Each structure stands twice: as C-alpha cells, then as structure tokens.
Amino acid sequence: MMPSNVRWGICGINSVRKKTAAHRRGRRNEEAFKQFCEYAKAQLETRFLVSPIGCGIAGYTPIDVAPLFNCCRDVENISLPAAFWDFLQ
C-alpha cells in the first residue's frame, strides 16, 4: 500500500514516466527531469526512490540514463540508484 502522500499522475511522477517513453523513441527531454526535480523539492515530506529506469529491457545503461538526473543529485528527498552516481556531474 502506498503512503497517503504519494499521488500518481502529478507532474513529478508522471513526467518521468512520459520521459522514459520519449527516451525510447530517441528524444531526450531533460526538461521533464528538471520538472520532476522541482516537484520533489516542493514535496519535502515525500521520499522519492528512483529506479534505474530504462536500464534493463529497454537496453540503456546507467551511463545513458544517469546524466538525465543531474538536476536531482543534491535534492535530499530523492534517492538515486547507486549505479547512477559514477555518471553524475
């Protein structure tokens, strides 16, 4: 069961899901990740556990995906996958 303060479809969560689909089509929309980061900063009571999206069946590796999360690296309530940290600026 999800905590009551987690809401699917809000800009932050939804934007990254949409971004993943766009990334599969070959487009890189860093703005969606920035929107997620800003959303998370405004939701300090919520902890965001980021999975290594795209790293698996989609065929991307952390070196491909991690740089898209550069804007999130210093946000305290966002936990990025350990595999991403070597590739963040």
PDB file of N, CA and C in Angstrom:
ATOM      1  N   MET A   1       0.835  -1.180   0.000  1.00  0.00           N
ATOM      2  CA  MET A   1       0.000   0.000   0.000  1.00  0.00           C
ATOM      3  C   MET A   1       0.882   1.245   0.000  1.00  0.00           C
ATOM      4  N   MET A   2       0.543   2.201  -0.850  1.00  0.00           N
ATOM      5  CA  MET A   2       1.321   3.434  -0.931  1.00  0.00           C
ATOM      6  C   MET A   2       0.943   4.384   0.199  1.00  0.00           C
ATOM      7  N   PRO A   3       1.928   5.146   0.699  1.00  0.00           N
ATOM      8  CA  PRO A   3       1.604   6.166   1.696  1.00  0.00           C
ATOM      9  C   PRO A   3       0.586   7.159   1.139  1.00  0.00           C
ATOM     10  N   SER A   4      -0.179   7.760   2.013  1.00  0.00           N
ATOM     11  CA  SER A   4      -1.238   8.666   1.568  1.00  0.00           C
ATOM     12  C   SER A   4      -0.704   9.915   0.883  1.00  0.00           C
ATOM     13  N   ASN A   5       0.568  10.265   1.110  1.00  0.00           N
ATOM     14  CA  ASN A   5       1.099  11.472   0.480  1.00  0.00           C
ATOM     15  C   ASN A   5       1.720  11.206  -0.893  1.00  0.00           C
ATOM     16  N   VAL A   6       1.638   9.982  -1.397  1.00  0.00           N
ATOM     17  CA  VAL A   6       2.136   9.666  -2.739  1.00  0.00           C
ATOM     18  C   VAL A   6       0.952   9.713  -3.693  1.00  0.00           C
ATOM     19  N   ARG A   7       1.096  10.516  -4.735  1.00  0.00           N
ATOM     20  CA  ARG A   7      -0.004  10.692  -5.678  1.00  0.00           C
ATOM     21  C   ARG A   7       0.503  10.434  -7.095  1.00  0.00           C
ATOM     22  N   TRP A   8      -0.018   9.409  -7.732  1.00  0.00           N
ATOM     23  CA  TRP A   8       0.361   9.116  -9.110  1.00  0.00           C
ATOM     24  C   TRP A   8      -0.300  10.113 -10.049  1.00  0.00           C
ATOM     25  N   GLY A   9       0.396  10.449 -11.107  1.00  0.00           N
ATOM     26  CA  GLY A   9      -0.168  11.326 -12.123  1.00  0.00           C
ATOM     27  C   GLY A   9       0.122  12.792 -11.889  1.00  0.00           C
ATOM     28  N   ILE A  10       0.749  13.134 -10.767  1.00  0.00           N
ATOM     29  CA  ILE A  10       1.157  14.509 -10.520  1.00  0.00           C
ATOM     30  C   ILE A  10       2.402  14.752 -11.369  1.00  0.00           C
ATOM     31  N   CYS A  11       2.665  15.974 -11.701  1.00  0.00           N
ATOM     32  CA  CYS A  11       3.746  16.354 -12.624  1.00  0.00           C
ATOM     33  C   CYS A  11       5.031  15.568 -12.403  1.00  0.00           C
ATOM     34  N   GLY A  12       5.515  15.497 -11.189  1.00  0.00           N
ATOM     35  CA  GLY A  12       6.808  14.876 -10.931  1.00  0.00           C
ATOM     36  C   GLY A  12       6.861  13.421 -11.327  1.00  0.00           C
ATOM     37  N   ILE A  13       5.980  12.642 -10.809  1.00  0.00           N
ATOM     38  CA  ILE A  13       5.987  11.209 -11.083  1.00  0.00           C
ATOM     39  C   ILE A  13       5.622  10.948 -12.535  1.00  0.00           C
ATOM     40  N   ASN A  14       4.605  11.578 -13.007  1.00  0.00           N
ATOM     41  CA  ASN A  14       4.129  11.363 -14.367  1.00  0.00           C
ATOM     42  C   ASN A  14       5.136  11.840 -15.403  1.00  0.00           C
ATOM     43  N   SER A  15       5.828  12.935 -15.143  1.00  0.00           N
ATOM     44  CA  SER A  15       6.748  13.480 -16.150  1.00  0.00           C
ATOM     45  C   SER A  15       7.888  12.520 -16.429  1.00  0.00           C
ATOM     46  N   VAL A  16       8.392  11.841 -15.414  1.00  0.00           N
ATOM     47  CA  VAL A  16       9.490  10.906 -15.644  1.00  0.00           C
ATOM     48  C   VAL A  16       8.998   9.689 -16.407  1.00  0.00           C
ATOM     49  N   ARG A  17       7.795   9.221 -16.107  1.00  0.00           N
ATOM     50  CA  ARG A  17       7.253   8.093 -16.881  1.00  0.00           C
ATOM     51  C   ARG A  17       7.116   8.481 -18.339  1.00  0.00           C
ATOM     52  N   LYS A  18       6.611   9.671 -18.615  1.00  0.00           N
ATOM     53  CA  LYS A  18       6.479  10.116 -20.003  1.00  0.00           C
ATOM     54  C   LYS A  18       7.845  10.285 -20.640  1.00  0.00           C
ATOM     55  N   LYS A  19       8.810  10.778 -19.883  1.00  0.00           N
ATOM     56  CA  LYS A  19      10.157  10.987 -20.398  1.00  0.00           C
ATOM     57  C   LYS A  19      10.768   9.663 -20.818  1.00  0.00           C
ATOM     58  N   THR A  20      10.538   8.611 -20.053  1.00  0.00           N
ATOM     59  CA  THR A  20      11.088   7.304 -20.398  1.00  0.00           C
ATOM     60  C   THR A  20      10.588   6.867 -21.768  1.00  0.00           C
ATOM     61  N   ALA A  21       9.316   7.065 -22.015  1.00  0.00           N
ATOM     62  CA  ALA A  21       8.758   6.702 -23.325  1.00  0.00           C
ATOM     63  C   ALA A  21       9.397   7.534 -24.428  1.00  0.00           C
ATOM     64  N   ALA A  22       9.601   8.815 -24.183  1.00  0.00           N
ATOM     65  CA  ALA A  22      10.239   9.674 -25.191  1.00  0.00           C
ATOM     66  C   ALA A  22      11.688   9.258 -25.415  1.00  0.00           C
ATOM     67  N   HIS A  23      12.378   8.854 -24.361  1.00  0.00           N
ATOM     68  CA  HIS A  23      13.776   8.432 -24.489  1.00  0.00           C
ATOM     69  C   HIS A  23      13.869   7.196 -25.360  1.00  0.00           C
ATOM     70  N   ARG A  24      12.900   6.284 -25.236  1.00  0.00           N
ATOM     71  CA  ARG A  24      12.898   5.079 -26.070  1.00  0.00           C
ATOM     72  C   ARG A  24      12.733   5.434 -27.540  1.00  0.00           C
ATOM     73  N   ARG A  25      12.056   6.527 -27.812  1.00  0.00           N
ATOM     74  CA  ARG A  25      11.867   6.940 -29.206  1.00  0.00           C
ATOM     75  C   ARG A  25      13.045   7.782 -29.704  1.00  0.00           C
ATOM     76  N   GLY A  26      14.093   7.914 -28.878  1.00  0.00           N
ATOM     77  CA  GLY A  26      15.293   8.600 -29.315  1.00  0.00           C
ATOM     78  C   GLY A  26      15.335  10.086 -28.995  1.00  0.00           C
ATOM     79  N   ARG A  27      14.328  10.604 -28.311  1.00  0.00           N
ATOM     80  CA  ARG A  27      14.341  12.023 -27.944  1.00  0.00           C
ATOM     81  C   ARG A  27      14.794  12.153 -26.503  1.00  0.00           C
ATOM     82  N   ARG A  28      15.569  13.185 -26.246  1.00  0.00           N
ATOM     83  CA  ARG A  28      15.998  13.451 -24.871  1.00  0.00           C
ATOM     84  C   ARG A  28      15.338  14.728 -24.416  1.00  0.00           C
ATOM     85  N   ASN A  29      14.485  14.608 -23.441  1.00  0.00           N
ATOM     86  CA  ASN A  29      13.754  15.761 -22.935  1.00  0.00           C
ATOM     87  C   ASN A  29      14.178  16.022 -21.497  1.00  0.00           C
ATOM     88  N   GLU A  30      15.328  16.668 -21.321  1.00  0.00           N
ATOM     89  CA  GLU A  30      15.842  16.945 -19.988  1.00  0.00           C
ATOM     90  C   GLU A  30      14.878  17.796 -19.177  1.00  0.00           C
ATOM     91  N   GLU A  31      14.035  18.558 -19.843  1.00  0.00           N
ATOM     92  CA  GLU A  31      13.077  19.415 -19.135  1.00  0.00           C
ATOM     93  C   GLU A  31      12.140  18.589 -18.248  1.00  0.00           C
ATOM     94  N   ALA A  32      11.755  17.415 -18.676  1.00  0.00           N
ATOM     95  CA  ALA A  32      10.880  16.557 -17.865  1.00  0.00           C
ATOM     96  C   ALA A  32      11.572  16.178 -16.562  1.00  0.00           C
ATOM     97  N   PHE A  33      12.869  15.931 -16.610  1.00  0.00           N
ATOM     98  CA  PHE A  33      13.600  15.581 -15.405  1.00  0.00           C
ATOM     99  C   PHE A  33      13.755  16.783 -14.488  1.00  0.00           C
ATOM    100  N   LYS A  34      13.942  17.949 -15.059  1.00  0.00           N
ATOM    101  CA  LYS A  34      14.005  19.175 -14.252  1.00  0.00           C
ATOM    102  C   LYS A  34      12.672  19.424 -13.560  1.00  0.00           C
ATOM    103  N   GLN A  35      11.573  19.162 -14.260  1.00  0.00           N
ATOM    104  CA  GLN A  35      10.247  19.313 -13.656  1.00  0.00           C
ATOM    105  C   GLN A  35      10.077  18.343 -12.494  1.00  0.00           C
ATOM    106  N   PHE A  36      10.544  17.119 -12.667  1.00  0.00           N
ATOM    107  CA  PHE A  36      10.479  16.143 -11.583  1.00  0.00           C
ATOM    108  C   PHE A  36      11.280  16.635 -10.382  1.00  0.00           C
ATOM    109  N   CYS A  37      12.465  17.145 -10.626  1.00  0.00           N
ATOM    110  CA  CYS A  37      13.326  17.646  -9.552  1.00  0.00           C
ATOM    111  C   CYS A  37      12.641  18.786  -8.800  1.00  0.00           C
ATOM    112  N   GLU A  38      12.064  19.722  -9.519  1.00  0.00           N
ATOM    113  CA  GLU A  38      11.365  20.849  -8.888  1.00  0.00           C
ATOM    114  C   GLU A  38      10.149  20.358  -8.105  1.00  0.00           C
ATOM    115  N   TYR A  39       9.448  19.397  -8.653  1.00  0.00           N
ATOM    116  CA  TYR A  39       8.299  18.822  -7.963  1.00  0.00           C
ATOM    117  C   TYR A  39       8.746  18.197  -6.638  1.00  0.00           C
ATOM    118  N   ALA A  40       9.820  17.428  -6.681  1.00  0.00           N
ATOM    119  CA  ALA A  40      10.321  16.772  -5.469  1.00  0.00           C
ATOM    120  C   ALA A  40      10.747  17.802  -4.420  1.00  0.00           C
ATOM    121  N   LYS A  41      11.362  18.892  -4.864  1.00  0.00           N
ATOM    122  CA  LYS A  41      11.776  19.939  -3.922  1.00  0.00           C
ATOM    123  C   LYS A  41      10.572  20.561  -3.217  1.00  0.00           C
ATOM    124  N   ALA A  42       9.443  20.580  -3.884  1.00  0.00           N
ATOM    125  CA  ALA A  42       8.228  21.160  -3.305  1.00  0.00           C
ATOM    126  C   ALA A  42       7.472  20.153  -2.435  1.00  0.00           C
ATOM    127  N   GLN A  43       7.887  18.891  -2.464  1.00  0.00           N
ATOM    128  CA  GLN A  43       7.214  17.831  -1.715  1.00  0.00           C
ATOM    129  C   GLN A  43       8.183  17.233  -0.695  1.00  0.00           C
ATOM    130  N   LEU A  44       8.708  18.046   0.183  1.00  0.00           N
ATOM    131  CA  LEU A  44       9.755  17.592   1.099  1.00  0.00           C
ATOM    132  C   LEU A  44       9.310  16.491   2.046  1.00  0.00           C
ATOM    133  N   GLU A  45       8.016  16.337   2.259  1.00  0.00           N
ATOM    134  CA  GLU A  45       7.526  15.285   3.147  1.00  0.00           C
ATOM    135  C   GLU A  45       7.517  13.924   2.455  1.00  0.00           C
ATOM    136  N   THR A  46       7.802  13.888   1.160  1.00  0.00           N
ATOM    137  CA  THR A  46       7.779  12.651   0.384  1.00  0.00           C
ATOM    138  C   THR A  46       9.202  12.271  -0.004  1.00  0.00           C
ATOM    139  N   ARG A  47       9.534  10.997   0.139  1.00  0.00           N
ATOM    140  CA  ARG A  47      10.834  10.477  -0.284  1.00  0.00           C
ATOM    141  C   ARG A  47      10.642   9.830  -1.647  1.00  0.00           C
ATOM    142  N   PHE A  48      11.462  10.213  -2.622  1.00  0.00           N
ATOM    143  CA  PHE A  48      11.374   9.672  -3.979  1.00  0.00           C
ATOM    144  C   PHE A  48      12.509   8.675  -4.188  1.00  0.00           C
ATOM    145  N   LEU A  49      12.151   7.428  -4.387  1.00  0.00           N
ATOM    146  CA  LEU A  49      13.121   6.365  -4.637  1.00  0.00           C
ATOM    147  C   LEU A  49      13.135   6.095  -6.140  1.00  0.00           C
ATOM    148  N   VAL A  50      14.166   6.557  -6.798  1.00  0.00           N
ATOM    149  CA  VAL A  50      14.256   6.454  -8.256  1.00  0.00           C
ATOM    150  C   VAL A  50      14.839   5.096  -8.625  1.00  0.00           C
ATOM    151  N   SER A  51      14.154   4.410  -9.512  1.00  0.00           N
ATOM    152  CA  SER A  51      14.677   3.144 -10.024  1.00  0.00           C
ATOM    153  C   SER A  51      15.523   3.438 -11.262  1.00  0.00           C
ATOM    154  N   PRO A  52      16.385   2.518 -11.648  1.00  0.00           N
ATOM    155  CA  PRO A  52      17.219   2.746 -12.838  1.00  0.00           C
ATOM    156  C   PRO A  52      16.392   2.581 -14.116  1.00  0.00           C
ATOM    157  N   ILE A  53      15.494   3.538 -14.354  1.00  0.00           N
ATOM    158  CA  ILE A  53      14.570   3.442 -15.486  1.00  0.00           C
ATOM    159  C   ILE A  53      15.335   3.306 -16.799  1.00  0.00           C
ATOM    160  N   GLY A  54      14.840   2.462 -17.640  1.00  0.00           N
ATOM    161  CA  GLY A  54      15.451   2.263 -18.952  1.00  0.00           C
ATOM    162  C   GLY A  54      16.631   1.307 -18.950  1.00  0.00           C
ATOM    163  N   CYS A  55      17.120   0.954 -17.762  1.00  0.00           N
ATOM    164  CA  CYS A  55      18.287   0.069 -17.649  1.00  0.00           C
ATOM    165  C   CYS A  55      17.788  -1.347 -17.416  1.00  0.00           C
ATOM    166  N   GLY A  56      17.600  -2.030 -18.467  1.00  0.00           N
ATOM    167  CA  GLY A  56      17.052  -3.386 -18.381  1.00  0.00           C
ATOM    168  C   GLY A  56      16.527  -3.771 -19.738  1.00  0.00           C
ATOM    169  N   ILE A  57      15.245  -4.035 -19.818  1.00  0.00           N
ATOM    170  CA  ILE A  57      14.629  -4.463 -21.067  1.00  0.00           C
ATOM    171  C   ILE A  57      14.800  -3.418 -22.164  1.00  0.00           C
ATOM    172  N   ALA A  58      14.748  -2.131 -21.805  1.00  0.00           N
ATOM    173  CA  ALA A  58      14.880  -1.064 -22.809  1.00  0.00           C
ATOM    174  C   ALA A  58      16.278  -1.013 -23.405  1.00  0.00           C
ATOM    175  N   GLY A  59      17.260  -1.595 -22.709  1.00  0.00           N
ATOM    176  CA  GLY A  59      18.595  -1.702 -23.273  1.00  0.00           C
ATOM    177  C   GLY A  59      19.535  -0.548 -22.978  1.00  0.00           C
ATOM    178  N   TYR A  60      19.120   0.418 -22.169  1.00  0.00           N
ATOM    179  CA  TYR A  60      20.018   1.511 -21.807  1.00  0.00           C
ATOM    180  C   TYR A  60      20.864   1.095 -20.616  1.00  0.00           C
ATOM    181  N   THR A  61      21.947   1.806 -20.406  1.00  0.00           N
ATOM    182  CA  THR A  61      22.824   1.552 -19.268  1.00  0.00           C
ATOM    183  C   THR A  61      22.827   2.792 -18.386  1.00  0.00           C
ATOM    184  N   PRO A  62      23.338   2.682 -17.163  1.00  0.00           N
ATOM    185  CA  PRO A  62      23.398   3.859 -16.302  1.00  0.00           C
ATOM    186  C   PRO A  62      24.137   5.045 -16.927  1.00  0.00           C
ATOM    187  N   ILE A  63      25.132   4.795 -17.744  1.00  0.00           N
ATOM    188  CA  ILE A  63      25.848   5.909 -18.382  1.00  0.00           C
ATOM    189  C   ILE A  63      24.934   6.673 -19.345  1.00  0.00           C
ATOM    190  N   ASP A  64      23.915   6.006 -19.885  1.00  0.00           N
ATOM    191  CA  ASP A  64      22.951   6.651 -20.783  1.00  0.00           C
ATOM    192  C   ASP A  64      21.911   7.452 -20.015  1.00  0.00           C
ATOM    193  N   VAL A  65      21.443   6.902 -18.903  1.00  0.00           N
ATOM    194  CA  VAL A  65      20.294   7.461 -18.197  1.00  0.00           C
ATOM    195  C   VAL A  65      20.693   8.396 -17.061  1.00  0.00           C
ATOM    196  N   ALA A  66      21.726   8.064 -16.326  1.00  0.00           N
ATOM    197  CA  ALA A  66      22.097   8.841 -15.130  1.00  0.00           C
ATOM    198  C   ALA A  66      22.268  10.334 -15.385  1.00  0.00           C
ATOM    199  N   PRO A  67      22.917  10.758 -16.470  1.00  0.00           N
ATOM    200  CA  PRO A  67      23.092  12.202 -16.677  1.00  0.00           C
ATOM    201  C   PRO A  67      21.776  12.982 -16.749  1.00  0.00           C
ATOM    202  N   LEU A  68      20.691  12.308 -17.090  1.00  0.00           N
ATOM    203  CA  LEU A  68      19.398  12.983 -17.120  1.00  0.00           C
ATOM    204  C   LEU A  68      18.947  13.376 -15.712  1.00  0.00           C
ATOM    205  N   PHE A  69      19.517  12.749 -14.702  1.00  0.00           N
ATOM    206  CA  PHE A  69      19.161  13.028 -13.316  1.00  0.00           C
ATOM    207  C   PHE A  69      20.155  13.958 -12.626  1.00  0.00           C
ATOM    208  N   ASN A  70      21.031  14.606 -13.375  1.00  0.00           N
ATOM    209  CA  ASN A  70      21.994  15.522 -12.760  1.00  0.00           C
ATOM    210  C   ASN A  70      21.319  16.567 -11.883  1.00  0.00           C
ATOM    211  N   CYS A  71      20.175  17.056 -12.293  1.00  0.00           N
ATOM    212  CA  CYS A  71      19.485  18.093 -11.526  1.00  0.00           C
ATOM    213  C   CYS A  71      18.969  17.570 -10.192  1.00  0.00           C
ATOM    214  N   CYS A  72      18.939  16.262 -10.010  1.00  0.00           N
ATOM    215  CA  CYS A  72      18.395  15.670  -8.785  1.00  0.00           C
ATOM    216  C   CYS A  72      19.465  15.273  -7.779  1.00  0.00           C
ATOM    217  N   ARG A  73      20.716  15.345  -8.140  1.00  0.00           N
ATOM    218  CA  ARG A  73      21.757  14.759  -7.301  1.00  0.00           C
ATOM    219  C   ARG A  73      21.876  15.396  -5.916  1.00  0.00           C
ATOM    220  N   ASP A  74      21.514  16.666  -5.761  1.00  0.00           N
ATOM    221  CA  ASP A  74      21.636  17.338  -4.468  1.00  0.00           C
ATOM    222  C   ASP A  74      20.301  17.543  -3.765  1.00  0.00           C
ATOM    223  N   VAL A  75      19.262  16.904  -4.246  1.00  0.00           N
ATOM    224  CA  VAL A  75      17.942  17.040  -3.625  1.00  0.00           C
ATOM    225  C   VAL A  75      17.826  15.952  -2.556  1.00  0.00           C
ATOM    226  N   GLU A  76      17.664  16.374  -1.312  1.00  0.00           N
ATOM    227  CA  GLU A  76      17.738  15.452  -0.177  1.00  0.00           C
ATOM    228  C   GLU A  76      16.662  14.378  -0.155  1.00  0.00           C
ATOM    229  N   ASN A  77      15.497  14.643  -0.705  1.00  0.00           N
ATOM    230  CA  ASN A  77      14.425  13.650  -0.636  1.00  0.00           C
ATOM    231  C   ASN A  77      14.324  12.796  -1.909  1.00  0.00           C
ATOM    232  N   ILE A  78      15.347  12.850  -2.752  1.00  0.00           N
ATOM    233  CA  ILE A  78      15.416  11.980  -3.932  1.00  0.00           C
ATOM    234  C   ILE A  78      16.581  11.018  -3.732  1.00  0.00           C
ATOM    235  N   SER A  79      16.291   9.727  -3.790  1.00  0.00           N
ATOM    236  CA  SER A  79      17.330   8.703  -3.704  1.00  0.00           C
ATOM    237  C   SER A  79      17.540   8.120  -5.089  1.00  0.00           C
ATOM    238  N   LEU A  80      18.716   8.357  -5.624  1.00  0.00           N
ATOM    239  CA  LEU A  80      19.052   7.838  -6.955  1.00  0.00           C
ATOM    240  C   LEU A  80      19.728   6.480  -6.818  1.00  0.00           C
ATOM    241  N   PRO A  81      19.627   5.633  -7.834  1.00  0.00           N
ATOM    242  CA  PRO A  81      20.271   4.318  -7.776  1.00  0.00           C
ATOM    243  C   PRO A  81      21.789   4.451  -7.630  1.00  0.00           C
ATOM    244  N   ALA A  82      22.381   3.561  -6.861  1.00  0.00           N
ATOM    245  CA  ALA A  82      23.837   3.573  -6.668  1.00  0.00           C
ATOM    246  C   ALA A  82      24.577   3.520  -8.003  1.00  0.00           C
ATOM    247  N   ALA A  83      24.029   2.791  -8.965  1.00  0.00           N
ATOM    248  CA  ALA A  83      24.686   2.649 -10.278  1.00  0.00           C
ATOM    249  C   ALA A  83      24.763   3.972 -11.034  1.00  0.00           C
ATOM    250  N   PHE A  84      23.960   4.964 -10.651  1.00  0.00           N
ATOM    251  CA  PHE A  84      23.967   6.259 -11.345  1.00  0.00           C
ATOM    252  C   PHE A  84      25.080   7.185 -10.873  1.00  0.00           C
ATOM    253  N   TRP A  85      25.546   7.047  -9.637  1.00  0.00           N
ATOM    254  CA  TRP A  85      26.410   8.059  -9.038  1.00  0.00           C
ATOM    255  C   TRP A  85      27.737   8.237  -9.758  1.00  0.00           C
ATOM    256  N   ASP A  86      28.289   7.226 -10.371  1.00  0.00           N
ATOM    257  CA  ASP A  86      29.556   7.378 -11.106  1.00  0.00           C
ATOM    258  C   ASP A  86      29.400   8.212 -12.356  1.00  0.00           C
ATOM    259  N   PHE A  87      28.173   8.418 -12.800  1.00  0.00           N
ATOM    260  CA  PHE A  87      27.929   9.106 -14.070  1.00  0.00           C
ATOM    261  C   PHE A  87      27.260  10.466 -13.897  1.00  0.00           C
ATOM    262  N   LEU A  88      27.124  10.946 -12.672  1.00  0.00           N
ATOM    263  CA  LEU A  88      26.539  12.266 -12.425  1.00  0.00           C
ATOM    264  C   LEU A  88      27.660  13.296 -12.376  1.00  0.00           C
ATOM    265  N   GLN A  89      27.366  14.474 -12.893  1.00  0.00           N
ATOM    266  CA  GLN A  89      28.391  15.550 -12.911  1.00  0.00           C
ATOM    267  C   GLN A  89      28.424  16.286 -11.599  1.00  0.00           C
TER     268      GLN A  89
END
